[in-house]
């Protein structure tokens, strides 16, 4: 089975030089941020999320740990607060990036959903 990026506007397929990331189900707050940033249903079941991947194109270089800190790893590690923000669906973007207004909406929405 060929892995493809789950972002609607992306057709990237898994290749040796492309990094794919799984959703973070162990961190509910971060998972909700990912789902909202990707315009996905916040109630998407984990068994479905476990089959989906987001490619490196949707993260900033600053979203990654310094590769020199993890010399034994083949893949680059995302920081614990990293959320996809690049080349997302037009509904939330300005020029292919998550708009500052939508970042505020993610935080506000997340807080409302938690309370």
C-alpha atoms as a PDB file:
ATOM      1  CA  UNK A   1       0.000   0.000   0.000  1.00  0.00           C
ATOM      2  CA  UNK A   2       1.344   3.425  -0.982  1.00  0.00           C
ATOM      3  CA  UNK A   3       1.059   6.115   1.670  1.00  0.00           C
ATOM      4  CA  UNK A   4      -0.284   9.447   0.467  1.00  0.00           C
ATOM      5  CA  UNK A   5      -0.712  12.713   2.314  1.00  0.00           C
ATOM      6  CA  UNK A   6      -4.241  13.154   3.681  1.00  0.00           C
ATOM      7  CA  UNK A   7      -4.339  16.934   3.099  1.00  0.00           C
ATOM      8  CA  UNK A   8      -7.007  17.616   0.465  1.00  0.00           C
ATOM      9  CA  UNK A   9      -4.850  19.841  -1.696  1.00  0.00           C
ATOM     10  CA  UNK A  10      -1.790  17.557  -1.552  1.00  0.00           C
ATOM     11  CA  UNK A  11      -1.009  14.473  -3.609  1.00  0.00           C
ATOM     12  CA  UNK A  12       2.426  13.691  -2.168  1.00  0.00           C
ATOM     13  CA  UNK A  13       3.240   9.988  -2.059  1.00  0.00           C
ATOM     14  CA  UNK A  14       5.704   8.266   0.257  1.00  0.00           C
ATOM     15  CA  UNK A  15       9.228   8.220  -1.159  1.00  0.00           C
ATOM     16  CA  UNK A  16      12.611   7.796   0.546  1.00  0.00           C
ATOM     17  CA  UNK A  17      13.250  11.560   0.657  1.00  0.00           C
ATOM     18  CA  UNK A  18       9.755  12.530   1.899  1.00  0.00           C
ATOM     19  CA  UNK A  19       8.853  12.451   5.580  1.00  0.00           C
ATOM     20  CA  UNK A  20       5.331  11.497   6.635  1.00  0.00           C
ATOM     21  CA  UNK A  21       3.914  12.113  10.093  1.00  0.00           C
ATOM     22  CA  UNK A  22       1.152  10.307  11.939  1.00  0.00           C
ATOM     23  CA  UNK A  23      -1.546  12.126  13.870  1.00  0.00           C
ATOM     24  CA  UNK A  24      -0.807  12.526  17.609  1.00  0.00           C
ATOM     25  CA  UNK A  25      -3.670  10.585  19.294  1.00  0.00           C
ATOM     26  CA  UNK A  26      -1.825  10.415  22.642  1.00  0.00           C
ATOM     27  CA  UNK A  27      -2.035  14.222  22.956  1.00  0.00           C
ATOM     28  CA  UNK A  28      -5.752  15.162  22.682  1.00  0.00           C
ATOM     29  CA  UNK A  29      -5.138  18.925  22.659  1.00  0.00           C
ATOM     30  CA  UNK A  30      -2.558  18.720  19.881  1.00  0.00           C
ATOM     31  CA  UNK A  31      -4.686  16.212  17.958  1.00  0.00           C
ATOM     32  CA  UNK A  32      -7.618  18.636  18.004  1.00  0.00           C
ATOM     33  CA  UNK A  33      -5.335  21.421  16.719  1.00  0.00           C
ATOM     34  CA  UNK A  34      -4.170  19.188  13.849  1.00  0.00           C
ATOM     35  CA  UNK A  35      -7.729  18.236  12.936  1.00  0.00           C
ATOM     36  CA  UNK A  36      -8.929  21.836  12.984  1.00  0.00           C
ATOM     37  CA  UNK A  37      -5.908  23.047  10.981  1.00  0.00           C
ATOM     38  CA  UNK A  38      -6.601  20.352   8.376  1.00  0.00           C
ATOM     39  CA  UNK A  39     -10.326  21.156   8.328  1.00  0.00           C
ATOM     40  CA  UNK A  40     -11.188  17.659   9.554  1.00  0.00           C
ATOM     41  CA  UNK A  41     -13.921  16.527  11.919  1.00  0.00           C
ATOM     42  CA  UNK A  42     -12.605  16.835  15.513  1.00  0.00           C
ATOM     43  CA  UNK A  43     -14.457  13.608  16.318  1.00  0.00           C
ATOM     44  CA  UNK A  44     -12.654  11.508  13.698  1.00  0.00           C
ATOM     45  CA  UNK A  45     -12.061   8.106  15.347  1.00  0.00           C
ATOM     46  CA  UNK A  46      -8.494   7.063  16.163  1.00  0.00           C
ATOM     47  CA  UNK A  47      -8.809   3.889  14.075  1.00  0.00           C
ATOM     48  CA  UNK A  48      -9.226   6.123  11.001  1.00  0.00           C
ATOM     49  CA  UNK A  49      -6.510   8.590  12.036  1.00  0.00           C
ATOM     50  CA  UNK A  50      -4.114   5.667  12.431  1.00  0.00           C
ATOM     51  CA  UNK A  51      -4.343   5.108   8.671  1.00  0.00           C
ATOM     52  CA  UNK A  52      -3.732   8.752   7.707  1.00  0.00           C
ATOM     53  CA  UNK A  53      -0.477  10.644   7.252  1.00  0.00           C
ATOM     54  CA  UNK A  54       0.546  14.287   6.814  1.00  0.00           C
ATOM     55  CA  UNK A  55       3.657  14.970   4.740  1.00  0.00           C
ATOM     56  CA  UNK A  56       6.504  17.323   5.594  1.00  0.00           C
ATOM     57  CA  UNK A  57       5.250  19.983   3.163  1.00  0.00           C
ATOM     58  CA  UNK A  58       2.676  21.070   5.738  1.00  0.00           C
ATOM     59  CA  UNK A  59       5.174  21.920   8.482  1.00  0.00           C
ATOM     60  CA  UNK A  60       7.654  24.765   8.910  1.00  0.00           C
ATOM     61  CA  UNK A  61      11.381  24.069   9.366  1.00  0.00           C
ATOM     62  CA  UNK A  62      11.012  25.447  12.920  1.00  0.00           C
ATOM     63  CA  UNK A  63       8.453  22.699  13.664  1.00  0.00           C
ATOM     64  CA  UNK A  64      11.313  20.171  13.728  1.00  0.00           C
ATOM     65  CA  UNK A  65      13.920  19.389  16.374  1.00  0.00           C
ATOM     66  CA  UNK A  66      17.521  20.019  15.407  1.00  0.00           C
ATOM     67  CA  UNK A  67      18.557  16.899  13.433  1.00  0.00           C
ATOM     68  CA  UNK A  68      21.979  16.911  15.118  1.00  0.00           C
ATOM     69  CA  UNK A  69      20.295  16.167  18.455  1.00  0.00           C
ATOM     70  CA  UNK A  70      18.948  12.850  17.139  1.00  0.00           C
ATOM     71  CA  UNK A  71      21.784  11.430  15.056  1.00  0.00           C
ATOM     72  CA  UNK A  72      20.563   7.836  15.296  1.00  0.00           C
ATOM     73  CA  UNK A  73      17.161   8.580  13.753  1.00  0.00           C
ATOM     74  CA  UNK A  74      16.409   8.449  10.049  1.00  0.00           C
ATOM     75  CA  UNK A  75      13.288  10.658  10.218  1.00  0.00           C
ATOM     76  CA  UNK A  76      13.121  14.219  11.450  1.00  0.00           C
ATOM     77  CA  UNK A  77      11.252  14.627  14.729  1.00  0.00           C
ATOM     78  CA  UNK A  78       8.448  17.136  15.115  1.00  0.00           C
ATOM     79  CA  UNK A  79       8.433  19.336  18.192  1.00  0.00           C
ATOM     80  CA  UNK A  80       5.673  18.569  20.686  1.00  0.00           C
ATOM     81  CA  UNK A  81       3.742  21.753  19.775  1.00  0.00           C
ATOM     82  CA  UNK A  82       4.026  21.397  15.969  1.00  0.00           C
ATOM     83  CA  UNK A  83       0.773  21.745  14.036  1.00  0.00           C
ATOM     84  CA  UNK A  84       0.427  21.558  10.235  1.00  0.00           C
ATOM     85  CA  UNK A  85       0.305  25.118   8.915  1.00  0.00           C
ATOM     86  CA  UNK A  86       1.577  25.100   5.322  1.00  0.00           C
ATOM     87  CA  UNK A  87      -0.328  24.597   2.055  1.00  0.00           C
ATOM     88  CA  UNK A  88      -3.629  23.747   3.668  1.00  0.00           C
ATOM     89  CA  UNK A  89      -7.166  24.089   2.334  1.00  0.00           C
ATOM     90  CA  UNK A  90      -8.070  27.573   1.028  1.00  0.00           C
ATOM     91  CA  UNK A  91     -10.797  28.051   3.663  1.00  0.00           C
ATOM     92  CA  UNK A  92      -8.226  28.781   6.372  1.00  0.00           C
ATOM     93  CA  UNK A  93      -5.271  30.018   4.363  1.00  0.00           C
ATOM     94  CA  UNK A  94      -3.731  33.143   3.018  1.00  0.00           C
ATOM     95  CA  UNK A  95      -1.181  32.366   0.321  1.00  0.00           C
ATOM     96  CA  UNK A  96      -0.899  28.696   1.238  1.00  0.00           C
ATOM     97  CA  UNK A  97      -0.159  29.286   4.914  1.00  0.00           C
ATOM     98  CA  UNK A  98      -2.403  29.092   7.940  1.00  0.00           C
ATOM     99  CA  UNK A  99      -3.501  32.667   8.549  1.00  0.00           C
ATOM    100  CA  UNK A 100      -2.792  34.366  11.906  1.00  0.00           C
ATOM    101  CA  UNK A 101      -6.552  34.864  12.351  1.00  0.00           C
ATOM    102  CA  UNK A 102      -7.150  31.140  11.952  1.00  0.00           C
ATOM    103  CA  UNK A 103      -4.433  30.341  14.491  1.00  0.00           C
ATOM    104  CA  UNK A 104      -6.404  32.470  16.956  1.00  0.00           C
ATOM    105  CA  UNK A 105      -9.598  30.635  15.922  1.00  0.00           C
ATOM    106  CA  UNK A 106      -7.918  27.295  16.620  1.00  0.00           C
ATOM    107  CA  UNK A 107      -7.033  28.363  20.144  1.00  0.00           C
ATOM    108  CA  UNK A 108     -10.467  29.916  20.808  1.00  0.00           C
ATOM    109  CA  UNK A 109     -12.319  26.977  19.316  1.00  0.00           C
ATOM    110  CA  UNK A 110     -10.187  24.500  21.217  1.00  0.00           C
ATOM    111  CA  UNK A 111     -10.906  26.284  24.494  1.00  0.00           C
ATOM    112  CA  UNK A 112     -14.658  26.348  23.807  1.00  0.00           C
ATOM    113  CA  UNK A 113     -14.662  22.644  22.962  1.00  0.00           C
ATOM    114  CA  UNK A 114     -12.786  21.763  26.139  1.00  0.00           C
ATOM    115  CA  UNK A 115     -15.263  23.648  28.325  1.00  0.00           C
END
